Protein backbone atom coordinates (compact mmCIF):
# COMPACT_ATOMS: atom_id res chain seq x y z
CA MET A 1 234.33 178.45 200.00
CA LYS A 2 235.35 175.39 198.44
CA PHE A 3 234.34 174.58 194.91
CA LYS A 4 233.78 170.83 193.86
CA PRO A 5 235.70 169.91 191.03
CA SER A 6 233.87 169.72 187.55
CA THR A 7 232.77 166.17 186.64
CA PRO A 8 233.31 164.81 183.04
CA ARG A 9 229.76 165.37 182.18
CA VAL A 10 229.71 169.01 183.38
CA VAL A 11 232.88 169.69 181.22
CA LEU A 12 231.41 167.94 178.29
CA SER A 13 228.02 169.74 178.64
CA ALA A 14 230.01 173.04 178.71
CA LEU A 15 232.21 172.15 175.85
CA LEU A 16 228.93 171.21 173.72
CA SER A 17 227.39 174.51 174.81
CA ALA A 18 230.29 176.52 173.45
CA LEU A 19 230.73 174.49 170.11
CA LEU A 20 227.21 175.20 169.64
CA LEU A 21 227.37 178.93 170.24
CA ILE A 22 230.35 179.12 167.76
CA ALA A 23 228.41 177.28 165.24
CA CYS A 24 225.20 179.60 165.58
CA SER A 25 227.79 182.75 165.36
CA ASP A 26 228.94 181.43 162.05
CA LYS A 27 227.29 183.45 159.23
CA PRO A 28 225.44 181.74 156.41
CA GLU A 29 228.42 182.31 153.87
CA VAL A 30 230.92 180.57 156.04
CA MET A 31 228.64 177.61 156.47
CA LEU A 32 228.13 177.30 152.67
CA GLU A 33 231.73 177.45 152.13
CA SER A 34 232.10 174.55 154.82
CA ALA A 35 229.41 172.65 153.06
CA LYS A 36 231.35 173.06 149.68
CA ALA A 37 234.14 171.66 151.28
CA TYR A 38 232.46 168.55 152.39
CA LEU A 39 230.81 168.14 148.84
CA ALA A 40 234.51 168.26 147.53
CA LYS A 41 235.11 165.34 149.97
CA ASN A 42 232.14 163.35 148.82
CA ASP A 43 230.60 164.04 152.47
CA SER A 44 227.12 164.79 151.37
CA LYS A 45 225.64 163.97 154.79
CA ALA A 46 227.86 166.58 156.57
CA ALA A 47 227.29 169.21 153.79
CA VAL A 48 223.44 168.76 154.58
CA ILE A 49 223.95 169.81 158.14
CA GLN A 50 226.04 172.79 157.23
CA ILE A 51 223.34 173.90 154.62
CA LYS A 52 220.58 173.41 156.74
CA ASN A 53 222.10 175.38 159.42
CA ALA A 54 222.52 178.33 156.82
CA LEU A 55 219.11 178.20 155.98
CA GLN A 56 217.78 178.45 159.51
CA THR A 57 219.36 181.83 159.28
CA ASN A 58 217.96 182.74 155.95
CA PRO A 59 215.59 180.27 154.18
CA ASN A 60 215.48 182.27 151.03
CA LEU A 61 219.36 181.94 150.28
CA PRO A 62 219.28 180.73 146.41
CA GLU A 63 222.89 179.14 146.88
CA ALA A 64 221.90 177.33 150.00
CA ARG A 65 218.86 175.72 148.30
CA PHE A 66 221.09 174.95 145.04
CA LEU A 67 223.73 173.37 147.32
CA LEU A 68 221.21 171.40 149.33
CA GLY A 69 219.74 169.95 146.29
CA GLN A 70 223.26 168.97 144.85
CA ALA A 71 223.90 167.30 148.56
CA LEU A 72 220.42 165.56 148.73
CA LEU A 73 221.17 164.25 145.13
CA GLU A 74 224.71 162.88 145.74
CA GLY A 75 223.27 161.03 149.03
CA GLY A 76 220.64 159.42 146.94
CA ASP A 77 217.63 161.62 147.89
CA ALA A 78 216.33 162.37 144.30
CA VAL A 79 213.02 163.38 145.43
CA GLY A 80 214.03 165.72 148.04
CA ALA A 81 216.80 167.25 145.53
CA GLU A 82 214.17 168.06 143.00
CA THR A 83 212.24 170.02 145.77
CA GLU A 84 215.10 172.25 146.62
CA LEU A 85 216.57 172.61 143.16
CA ARG A 86 213.26 173.92 142.22
CA LYS A 87 213.28 176.37 144.97
CA ALA A 88 216.64 177.50 143.90
CA LEU A 89 215.06 178.32 140.50
CA GLU A 90 212.38 180.00 141.86
CA LEU A 91 214.88 182.26 143.85
CA LYS A 92 216.81 183.03 140.58
CA HIS A 93 219.68 180.83 141.23
CA PRO A 94 221.47 180.69 137.81
CA GLN A 95 219.77 178.13 135.48
CA ASP A 96 223.06 176.99 134.00
CA LEU A 97 224.02 175.57 137.65
CA VAL A 98 220.82 174.50 138.59
CA LEU A 99 219.43 172.60 135.53
CA PRO A 100 222.00 169.89 135.01
CA PHE A 101 221.41 168.61 138.68
CA LEU A 102 217.68 168.94 138.40
CA ALA A 103 217.67 166.97 135.17
CA THR A 104 219.84 164.23 136.93
CA ALA A 105 217.36 164.28 139.80
CA LEU A 106 214.33 163.61 137.41
CA ILE A 107 216.20 160.78 135.54
CA ASN A 108 216.80 159.20 138.85
CA GLN A 109 212.99 159.25 139.68
CA ALA A 110 212.49 157.74 136.17
CA GLN A 111 210.59 161.06 135.44
CA ALA A 112 211.72 161.15 131.71
CA LYS A 113 208.63 162.31 130.22
CA LYS A 114 208.53 165.18 132.97
CA LEU A 115 212.04 166.29 132.23
CA ILE A 116 211.33 166.46 128.32
CA ASP A 117 207.82 168.19 128.79
CA GLU A 118 209.19 170.99 130.80
CA PHE A 119 212.82 171.48 129.45
CA GLU A 120 213.12 169.95 126.17
CA LYS A 121 213.58 173.30 124.24
CA THR A 122 216.04 174.80 127.17
CA GLU A 123 219.57 175.71 125.91
CA LEU A 124 222.39 176.51 128.51
CA THR A 125 225.17 178.92 128.00
CA LEU A 126 228.04 177.40 129.94
CA PRO A 127 229.56 174.50 127.82
CA ALA A 128 229.91 171.98 130.90
CA ALA A 129 226.29 172.75 132.02
CA GLN A 130 224.95 172.28 128.17
CA ALA A 131 226.88 168.91 127.80
CA ASN A 132 225.47 167.69 131.26
CA PHE A 133 222.00 168.73 130.61
CA LYS A 134 221.73 167.28 127.08
CA THR A 135 223.36 163.92 128.21
CA SER A 136 220.46 163.74 130.91
CA LEU A 137 217.95 164.46 127.74
CA ALA A 138 219.50 161.83 125.92
CA LEU A 139 218.82 159.37 128.57
CA ALA A 140 215.31 160.67 128.82
CA TYR A 141 214.76 160.03 125.36
CA GLY A 142 216.32 156.59 125.13
CA SER A 143 214.11 155.43 128.00
CA LEU A 144 210.96 156.62 126.11
CA GLY A 145 212.26 154.81 122.89
CA LYS A 146 213.02 157.71 121.03
CA GLN A 147 216.51 156.57 119.95
CA GLU A 148 216.94 159.48 117.09
CA LEU A 149 216.43 162.05 119.51
CA SER A 150 218.49 160.50 121.97
CA ARG A 151 221.57 160.24 119.51
CA ALA A 152 220.64 163.80 118.64
CA ALA A 153 220.94 165.05 122.17
CA VAL A 154 224.15 163.13 122.70
CA ASP A 155 225.58 164.90 119.51
CA GLN A 156 224.70 168.21 120.98
CA ALA A 157 226.55 167.35 124.45
CA LEU A 158 229.70 166.25 122.53
CA GLN A 159 229.49 169.59 120.57
CA ALA A 160 229.33 171.61 123.70
CA VAL A 161 232.29 169.51 125.42
CA PRO A 162 234.17 167.17 122.98
CA GLY A 163 234.83 163.70 124.73
CA PHE A 164 232.29 164.42 127.45
CA PRO A 165 232.44 161.21 129.45
CA ALA A 166 228.67 161.02 130.42
CA ALA A 167 227.76 161.55 126.79
CA GLN A 168 230.02 158.89 125.36
CA ILE A 169 228.59 156.28 127.75
CA VAL A 170 225.32 157.02 126.34
CA GLN A 171 226.99 156.36 122.88
CA VAL A 172 228.26 153.03 124.39
CA ARG A 173 224.52 152.19 125.41
CA HIS A 174 223.53 153.19 121.99
CA LYS A 175 225.98 150.53 120.16
CA ALA A 176 225.15 147.85 123.07
CA ALA A 177 221.31 148.41 122.20
CA GLN A 178 222.47 147.43 118.35
CA LYS A 179 224.43 144.59 119.55
CA GLU A 180 227.82 146.11 118.56
CA PHE A 181 229.28 144.85 121.63
CA ASP A 182 232.91 144.77 120.58
CA ALA A 183 232.76 148.45 119.48
CA ALA A 184 230.69 149.34 122.77
CA LEU A 185 233.61 147.87 125.05
CA ALA A 186 236.20 149.52 122.87
CA GLN A 187 234.65 152.92 123.09
CA LEU A 188 234.29 152.16 126.92
CA GLU A 189 238.29 151.63 127.29
CA GLN A 190 238.68 154.96 125.95
CA VAL A 191 236.53 156.40 128.32
CA ASN A 192 238.10 154.54 131.23
CA ALA A 193 241.38 155.90 130.07
CA ALA A 194 240.47 159.29 129.77
CA ALA A 195 238.25 159.54 133.03
CA PRO A 196 239.47 156.72 135.11
CA THR A 197 237.47 157.66 137.93
CA ASN A 198 234.02 157.59 136.30
CA VAL A 199 232.12 154.90 138.37
CA ASP A 200 229.34 154.86 135.68
CA ALA A 201 231.79 153.72 133.05
CA TRP A 202 233.15 150.99 135.12
CA LYS A 203 229.82 149.82 136.10
CA LEU A 204 228.73 149.66 132.30
CA LYS A 205 231.94 147.73 131.53
CA GLY A 206 230.90 145.03 134.17
CA ASP A 207 227.27 144.82 132.55
CA LEU A 208 228.63 144.48 129.01
CA LEU A 209 231.11 141.86 130.26
CA LEU A 210 228.40 140.17 132.16
CA TYR A 211 225.37 140.08 129.70
CA ALA A 212 227.15 140.33 126.39
CA LYS A 213 230.46 138.23 127.01
CA LYS A 214 229.29 136.24 129.89
CA GLN A 215 232.62 136.96 131.29
CA PHE A 216 231.89 136.70 135.34
CA ASP A 217 235.05 137.26 137.06
CA PRO A 218 236.10 140.39 134.75
CA ALA A 219 232.55 141.73 135.14
CA LEU A 220 232.92 141.47 138.74
CA GLN A 221 236.27 143.08 138.78
CA ALA A 222 234.85 146.00 136.99
CA TYR A 223 232.04 146.21 139.69
CA HIS A 224 234.56 146.17 142.58
CA LYS A 225 236.60 148.93 140.91
CA ALA A 226 233.64 151.25 140.66
CA LEU A 227 233.08 150.43 144.44
CA GLU A 228 236.68 151.44 145.24
CA LEU A 229 236.06 154.58 143.55
CA LYS A 230 232.79 155.14 145.43
CA PRO A 231 232.19 152.87 148.41
CA ASP A 232 228.49 154.11 148.75
CA PHE A 233 227.81 153.20 145.05
CA LEU A 234 224.29 151.39 145.33
CA ALA A 235 224.14 150.31 141.86
CA GLY A 236 227.69 148.86 142.09
CA HIS A 237 226.95 147.07 145.22
CA ALA A 238 223.60 145.77 143.84
CA ALA A 239 225.30 144.60 140.50
CA ALA A 240 228.17 142.82 142.53
CA VAL A 241 225.61 140.86 144.76
CA THR A 242 223.66 139.86 141.57
CA ILE A 243 226.46 138.40 139.76
CA LEU A 244 227.54 136.37 142.99
CA LEU A 245 223.99 135.23 143.18
CA GLN A 246 224.05 134.03 139.47
CA GLN A 247 227.19 132.03 140.35
CA ASN A 248 225.56 130.64 143.32
CA LYS A 249 228.40 132.09 145.49
CA VAL A 250 225.92 132.31 148.46
CA ASP A 251 228.73 133.16 151.23
CA ASP A 252 230.33 135.81 149.11
CA ALA A 253 227.07 137.25 147.99
CA THR A 254 226.04 137.56 151.87
CA ALA A 255 229.40 139.46 152.73
CA GLN A 256 228.57 141.79 149.66
CA LEU A 257 225.01 142.18 150.59
CA ALA A 258 226.16 143.30 154.18
CA GLN A 259 228.24 146.01 152.49
CA LEU A 260 225.20 147.17 150.56
CA LYS A 261 223.07 147.10 153.62
CA LYS A 262 225.39 149.47 155.13
CA VAL A 263 224.86 151.92 152.40
CA ALA A 264 221.18 151.69 151.77
CA PRO A 265 219.44 149.29 154.33
CA ALA A 266 215.83 150.21 153.56
CA HIS A 267 216.29 150.44 149.61
CA PRO A 268 213.86 148.34 147.70
CA GLN A 269 216.82 147.12 145.72
CA THR A 270 218.60 146.13 149.05
CA LYS A 271 215.32 144.35 149.99
CA TYR A 272 214.77 142.67 146.79
CA LEU A 273 218.51 141.11 146.84
CA GLU A 274 217.81 140.12 150.31
CA SER A 275 214.88 138.39 149.37
CA GLN A 276 216.55 136.72 146.50
CA LEU A 277 219.45 135.54 148.81
CA ALA A 278 217.00 134.12 151.25
CA PHE A 279 215.28 132.18 148.26
CA GLN A 280 218.69 130.70 147.49
CA LYS A 281 219.23 129.67 151.01
CA LYS A 282 215.58 127.99 150.99
CA ASP A 283 214.23 130.36 153.54
CA PHE A 284 211.16 130.86 151.94
CA LYS A 285 209.37 132.41 154.63
CA ALA A 286 211.80 135.42 155.11
CA ALA A 287 212.02 135.80 151.44
CA ARG A 288 208.39 136.23 151.26
CA ASP A 289 208.72 138.87 154.19
CA LEU A 290 211.41 140.67 152.31
CA ILE A 291 209.62 140.77 148.77
CA GLN A 292 206.61 142.00 150.23
CA GLU A 293 208.23 145.19 151.43
CA VAL A 294 209.46 145.67 147.90
CA LEU A 295 206.04 145.12 146.54
CA LYS A 296 204.55 147.88 149.04
CA VAL A 297 206.82 150.56 147.28
CA ALA A 298 206.88 149.13 143.70
CA PRO A 299 203.71 146.85 143.14
CA SER A 300 204.53 146.79 139.26
CA ASN A 301 208.01 145.78 139.50
CA VAL A 302 208.35 142.87 137.06
CA GLN A 303 211.43 141.33 138.58
CA ALA A 304 209.76 141.60 142.17
CA LEU A 305 206.57 140.00 141.00
CA GLN A 306 208.39 137.29 139.46
CA LEU A 307 210.43 136.45 142.48
CA ALA A 308 207.17 136.87 144.68
CA GLY A 309 205.55 134.13 142.36
CA ALA A 310 208.48 131.70 142.87
CA VAL A 311 208.40 132.39 146.54
CA GLU A 312 204.77 131.40 146.90
CA MET A 313 205.25 128.27 144.62
CA GLN A 314 207.82 127.16 146.93
CA LEU A 315 205.41 127.76 150.02
CA ASN A 316 202.50 125.97 148.29
CA ALA A 317 200.30 128.90 147.87
CA LEU A 318 199.59 128.43 144.11
CA VAL A 319 196.85 130.68 143.82
CA GLN A 320 198.90 133.64 144.80
CA ALA A 321 201.90 132.55 142.93
CA GLU A 322 199.52 132.54 139.94
CA ALA A 323 198.29 135.93 140.60
CA TYR A 324 201.93 137.38 140.87
CA LEU A 325 203.13 135.59 137.96
CA SER A 326 200.35 136.57 135.46
CA LYS A 327 200.85 140.13 136.48
CA ALA A 328 204.45 140.00 135.75
CA LEU A 329 203.59 138.36 132.33
CA GLN A 330 201.05 141.19 131.60
CA ALA A 331 203.70 143.63 131.96
CA LEU A 332 206.40 141.83 130.11
CA PRO A 333 205.11 138.82 128.06
CA ASP A 334 208.54 137.70 126.87
CA LEU A 335 209.47 136.93 130.88
CA ALA A 336 210.50 133.47 130.24
CA LEU A 337 211.32 132.36 133.65
CA ALA A 338 207.93 133.87 135.11
CA ARG A 339 206.12 131.87 131.98
CA SER A 340 207.77 128.62 132.96
CA LEU A 341 206.85 129.01 136.69
CA LEU A 342 203.36 129.74 135.85
CA VAL A 343 203.13 126.49 133.76
CA LEU A 344 204.44 124.94 136.65
CA THR A 345 201.58 126.31 138.97
CA TYR A 346 198.96 125.01 136.53
CA LEU A 347 200.54 121.68 136.67
C-alpha cells in the first residue's frame, strides 16, 4: 500500500494541533509564569493571552485576575483593568499588590472622586505599594482642585519611599502650577538622572519646555526620548504630533501621526489629531467626519467642540458652528480661540 506524501497544509495542521495540545496541557501556574515573563518584557498582549488560557482552566485564580488587570492596564484598557482588579480583590488577592494598580486604572479613567470616596482612608503596608497608591491619591486630589490634600498625599508617598519618582513628578506639577518653572525643571532633571527610563518624567519635561519656555525643539526631543523608551506611549505620540502641528510642519506631523495610528488607531485622541491635521491641510470635509467620531464618545470635550466649530465655519455651516463654539465656552469661558471664532460667526 502506498502512502501519499504529506502536503504542507497537512503538516502545518498537524503541527498546530500538537502545539495546541501542548498549550492545553500546561498547568495554570506555568501559564502565569509565562505571562509574568511577557509583562517583564512589556509585551502585555502576549501576557493577556497566557492569562486568559489559565483562567479557562480555573476562572477563580486570584493571581490570574490580578495579572490580567495589570496587563490590561499596561495595554491601555483601564476599564477592563478595573474590572479584573476588583475581581482579584474579591478573591482576596493581597490589597498591597492590587490597590496601586486599581488606583492607576481609576485615575486613567478620570475617576478621581470614585478613588477618593472608596479608598481615601486606606493604608498599605508595603512601602513601594504605599508610595504608589498615595501618589495616585495625590493626582486625584489635584484633579479636583484640593491642592493641600494633594501635597499631603505626596509627602506620605515620599515618607514611604524617599525619592519616589512618580511622587516627585507630582511635586514638579505643583511647582509648575505655581509658575515656579525653573524650580520645576531643576527637580525634573534630578528625577531624570535618578530614573532615566521614566517616560512620564520625559513627557512632563517636554510639556514644561513647550508651554512654559516656548522651546519647541528641546520639547520635541524630550517627547522623542519618551517614545524611545516606550514606543507605544500614546501620550508621547500625541504630544509630538501636537507640537509639529503648532509649528505647521505638516509632513513631519503626518509621519508622526502614522506612528500613533499603529499604536491606537481608534483612540479619540488619535481621531482628534487626525481631524486637526486634515484641518491644516484644508480638507475640511475629512476634518468634519473625524471630529464627529470624537464627539460621539466625548460630546463635552472642549477642545473637540472648539475644533468642530472651526471646521463648520470653514464649511459655511454657521449655525452649527455657533452651537459648538457656544457649548465650548459654556464649559470653559476663558477659551480665547473659541470666543474669537464665535464673534466671526456672528459677523
